[in-house]
C-alpha atoms as a PDB file:
ATOM      1  CA  UNK A   1       0.122  -0.006  -0.064  1.00  0.00           C
ATOM      2  CA  UNK A   2       1.088   3.452  -0.673  1.00  0.00           C
ATOM      3  CA  UNK A   3       3.518   5.080  -3.196  1.00  0.00           C
ATOM      4  CA  UNK A   4       5.696   8.240  -3.519  1.00  0.00           C
ATOM      5  CA  UNK A   5       4.008   8.816  -7.074  1.00  0.00           C
ATOM      6  CA  UNK A   6       1.703  11.418  -6.017  1.00  0.00           C
ATOM      7  CA  UNK A   7      -1.235   9.718  -7.315  1.00  0.00           C
ATOM      8  CA  UNK A   8      -3.620  10.820  -4.552  1.00  0.00           C
ATOM      9  CA  UNK A   9      -3.628  13.651  -1.812  1.00  0.00           C
ATOM     10  CA  UNK A  10      -1.389  12.982   0.939  1.00  0.00           C
ATOM     11  CA  UNK A  11      -3.354  11.246   3.856  1.00  0.00           C
ATOM     12  CA  UNK A  12      -5.779   9.650   1.747  1.00  0.00           C
ATOM     13  CA  UNK A  13      -3.814   6.116   1.222  1.00  0.00           C
ATOM     14  CA  UNK A  14      -5.858   4.614   3.939  1.00  0.00           C
ATOM     15  CA  UNK A  15      -8.644   4.401   1.169  1.00  0.00           C
ATOM     16  CA  UNK A  16      -6.384   2.038  -0.777  1.00  0.00           C
ATOM     17  CA  UNK A  17      -7.096  -0.744   1.822  1.00  0.00           C
ATOM     18  CA  UNK A  18     -10.841  -0.797   0.401  1.00  0.00           C
ATOM     19  CA  UNK A  19      -9.479  -0.753  -3.131  1.00  0.00           C
ATOM     20  CA  UNK A  20      -7.654  -3.978  -2.442  1.00  0.00           C
ATOM     21  CA  UNK A  21     -10.990  -5.653  -0.905  1.00  0.00           C
ATOM     22  CA  UNK A  22     -12.716  -4.294  -4.084  1.00  0.00           C
ATOM     23  CA  UNK A  23     -10.050  -6.113  -6.077  1.00  0.00           C
ATOM     24  CA  UNK A  24     -10.635  -9.308  -4.197  1.00  0.00           C
ATOM     25  CA  UNK A  25      -8.488  -9.366  -1.155  1.00  0.00           C
ATOM     26  CA  UNK A  26      -9.919 -10.598   2.280  1.00  0.00           C
ATOM     27  CA  UNK A  27     -10.438  -7.343   4.419  1.00  0.00           C
ATOM     28  CA  UNK A  28      -7.871  -8.876   7.165  1.00  0.00           C
ATOM     29  CA  UNK A  29      -5.436  -9.793   4.212  1.00  0.00           C
ATOM     30  CA  UNK A  30      -5.727  -6.276   3.004  1.00  0.00           C
ATOM     31  CA  UNK A  31      -5.068  -4.717   6.424  1.00  0.00           C
ATOM     32  CA  UNK A  32      -2.157  -7.129   7.056  1.00  0.00           C
ATOM     33  CA  UNK A  33      -0.728  -5.792   3.606  1.00  0.00           C
ATOM     34  CA  UNK A  34      -0.798  -2.160   4.689  1.00  0.00           C
ATOM     35  CA  UNK A  35       0.580  -2.979   8.222  1.00  0.00           C
ATOM     36  CA  UNK A  36       2.625  -6.143   9.121  1.00  0.00           C
ATOM     37  CA  UNK A  37       3.444  -7.232   5.583  1.00  0.00           C
ATOM     38  CA  UNK A  38       4.647  -3.720   4.583  1.00  0.00           C
ATOM     39  CA  UNK A  39       6.725  -3.571   7.648  1.00  0.00           C
ATOM     40  CA  UNK A  40       8.302  -6.916   6.989  1.00  0.00           C
ATOM     41  CA  UNK A  41       9.156  -5.861   3.237  1.00  0.00           C
ATOM     42  CA  UNK A  42      10.743  -2.661   4.443  1.00  0.00           C
ATOM     43  CA  UNK A  43      12.889  -4.581   6.977  1.00  0.00           C
ATOM     44  CA  UNK A  44      11.072  -2.892   9.751  1.00  0.00           C
ATOM     45  CA  UNK A  45       9.143  -5.896  11.293  1.00  0.00           C
ATOM     46  CA  UNK A  46       8.726  -5.416  15.092  1.00  0.00           C
ATOM     47  CA  UNK A  47       9.242  -1.780  14.780  1.00  0.00           C
ATOM     48  CA  UNK A  48       6.266  -0.624  12.766  1.00  0.00           C
ATOM     49  CA  UNK A  49       3.120  -2.325  11.495  1.00  0.00           C
ATOM     50  CA  UNK A  50       2.059  -3.717  14.908  1.00  0.00           C
ATOM     51  CA  UNK A  51       0.849  -2.737  18.247  1.00  0.00           C
ATOM     52  CA  UNK A  52       3.075  -3.860  20.637  1.00  0.00           C
ATOM     53  CA  UNK A  53       5.388  -2.777  23.555  1.00  0.00           C
ATOM     54  CA  UNK A  54       8.437  -1.311  21.893  1.00  0.00           C
ATOM     55  CA  UNK A  55       6.933  -0.734  18.425  1.00  0.00           C
ATOM     56  CA  UNK A  56       6.957   2.923  17.128  1.00  0.00           C
ATOM     57  CA  UNK A  57       3.355   3.652  17.958  1.00  0.00           C
ATOM     58  CA  UNK A  58       2.225   4.986  14.628  1.00  0.00           C
ATOM     59  CA  UNK A  59      -1.548   4.403  14.616  1.00  0.00           C
ATOM     60  CA  UNK A  60      -4.514   5.335  12.682  1.00  0.00           C
ATOM     61  CA  UNK A  61      -7.797   4.913  14.771  1.00  0.00           C
ATOM     62  CA  UNK A  62     -10.954   4.106  12.766  1.00  0.00           C
ATOM     63  CA  UNK A  63     -14.530   4.433  14.190  1.00  0.00           C
ATOM     64  CA  UNK A  64     -16.491   1.271  13.590  1.00  0.00           C
ATOM     65  CA  UNK A  65     -15.642  -2.303  12.315  1.00  0.00           C
ATOM     66  CA  UNK A  66     -12.184  -2.122  10.800  1.00  0.00           C
ATOM     67  CA  UNK A  67     -13.074  -5.085   8.591  1.00  0.00           C
ATOM     68  CA  UNK A  68     -15.794  -3.102   7.091  1.00  0.00           C
ATOM     69  CA  UNK A  69     -13.270  -1.372   4.733  1.00  0.00           C
ATOM     70  CA  UNK A  70     -15.766   1.003   2.849  1.00  0.00           C
ATOM     71  CA  UNK A  71     -15.311   4.505   3.531  1.00  0.00           C
ATOM     72  CA  UNK A  72     -12.175   4.025   6.039  1.00  0.00           C
ATOM     73  CA  UNK A  73     -10.897   7.528   5.448  1.00  0.00           C
ATOM     74  CA  UNK A  74     -13.988   9.054   6.402  1.00  0.00           C
ATOM     75  CA  UNK A  75     -14.037   7.078   9.549  1.00  0.00           C
ATOM     76  CA  UNK A  76     -10.509   8.082  10.868  1.00  0.00           C
ATOM     77  CA  UNK A  77     -11.066   9.572  14.240  1.00  0.00           C
ATOM     78  CA  UNK A  78      -7.188  10.008  15.418  1.00  0.00           C
ATOM     79  CA  UNK A  79      -3.821   9.462  13.972  1.00  0.00           C
ATOM     80  CA  UNK A  80      -0.673   8.924  15.993  1.00  0.00           C
ATOM     81  CA  UNK A  81       2.879   9.268  14.845  1.00  0.00           C
ATOM     82  CA  UNK A  82       5.711   7.959  17.230  1.00  0.00           C
ATOM     83  CA  UNK A  83       3.360   8.015  20.095  1.00  0.00           C
ATOM     84  CA  UNK A  84       2.090  11.565  19.693  1.00  0.00           C
ATOM     85  CA  UNK A  85      -1.453  12.430  18.486  1.00  0.00           C
ATOM     86  CA  UNK A  86      -1.382  14.443  15.373  1.00  0.00           C
ATOM     87  CA  UNK A  87      -4.983  14.409  14.443  1.00  0.00           C
END
C-alpha cells in the first residue's frame, strides 16, 4: 500500500485498503498488507506495522468495524505518529 508517485492527496492512502478488498482481497489480508506485511518488506518488522510494547506507535484509529473497509478514510478519528497524537 502506498507510493511516492503522488497519485492521490497525502493522507488519503487509507482508502487503498478498500480498493484491495474491491479487487478481491479478504479485508484482514488487505489490512495485513498495509501494516505487518509492509513493515516486513521494509525490514522494519517489530518496529512498525504492529501494536506492541517497543513498537513505534504509529496508529490510525478508525470508528466502527475495521473489517468493514468501505469509507475508511471518512472514519478516521485519530492519527498517532511515534506515540504523539497529530490528529
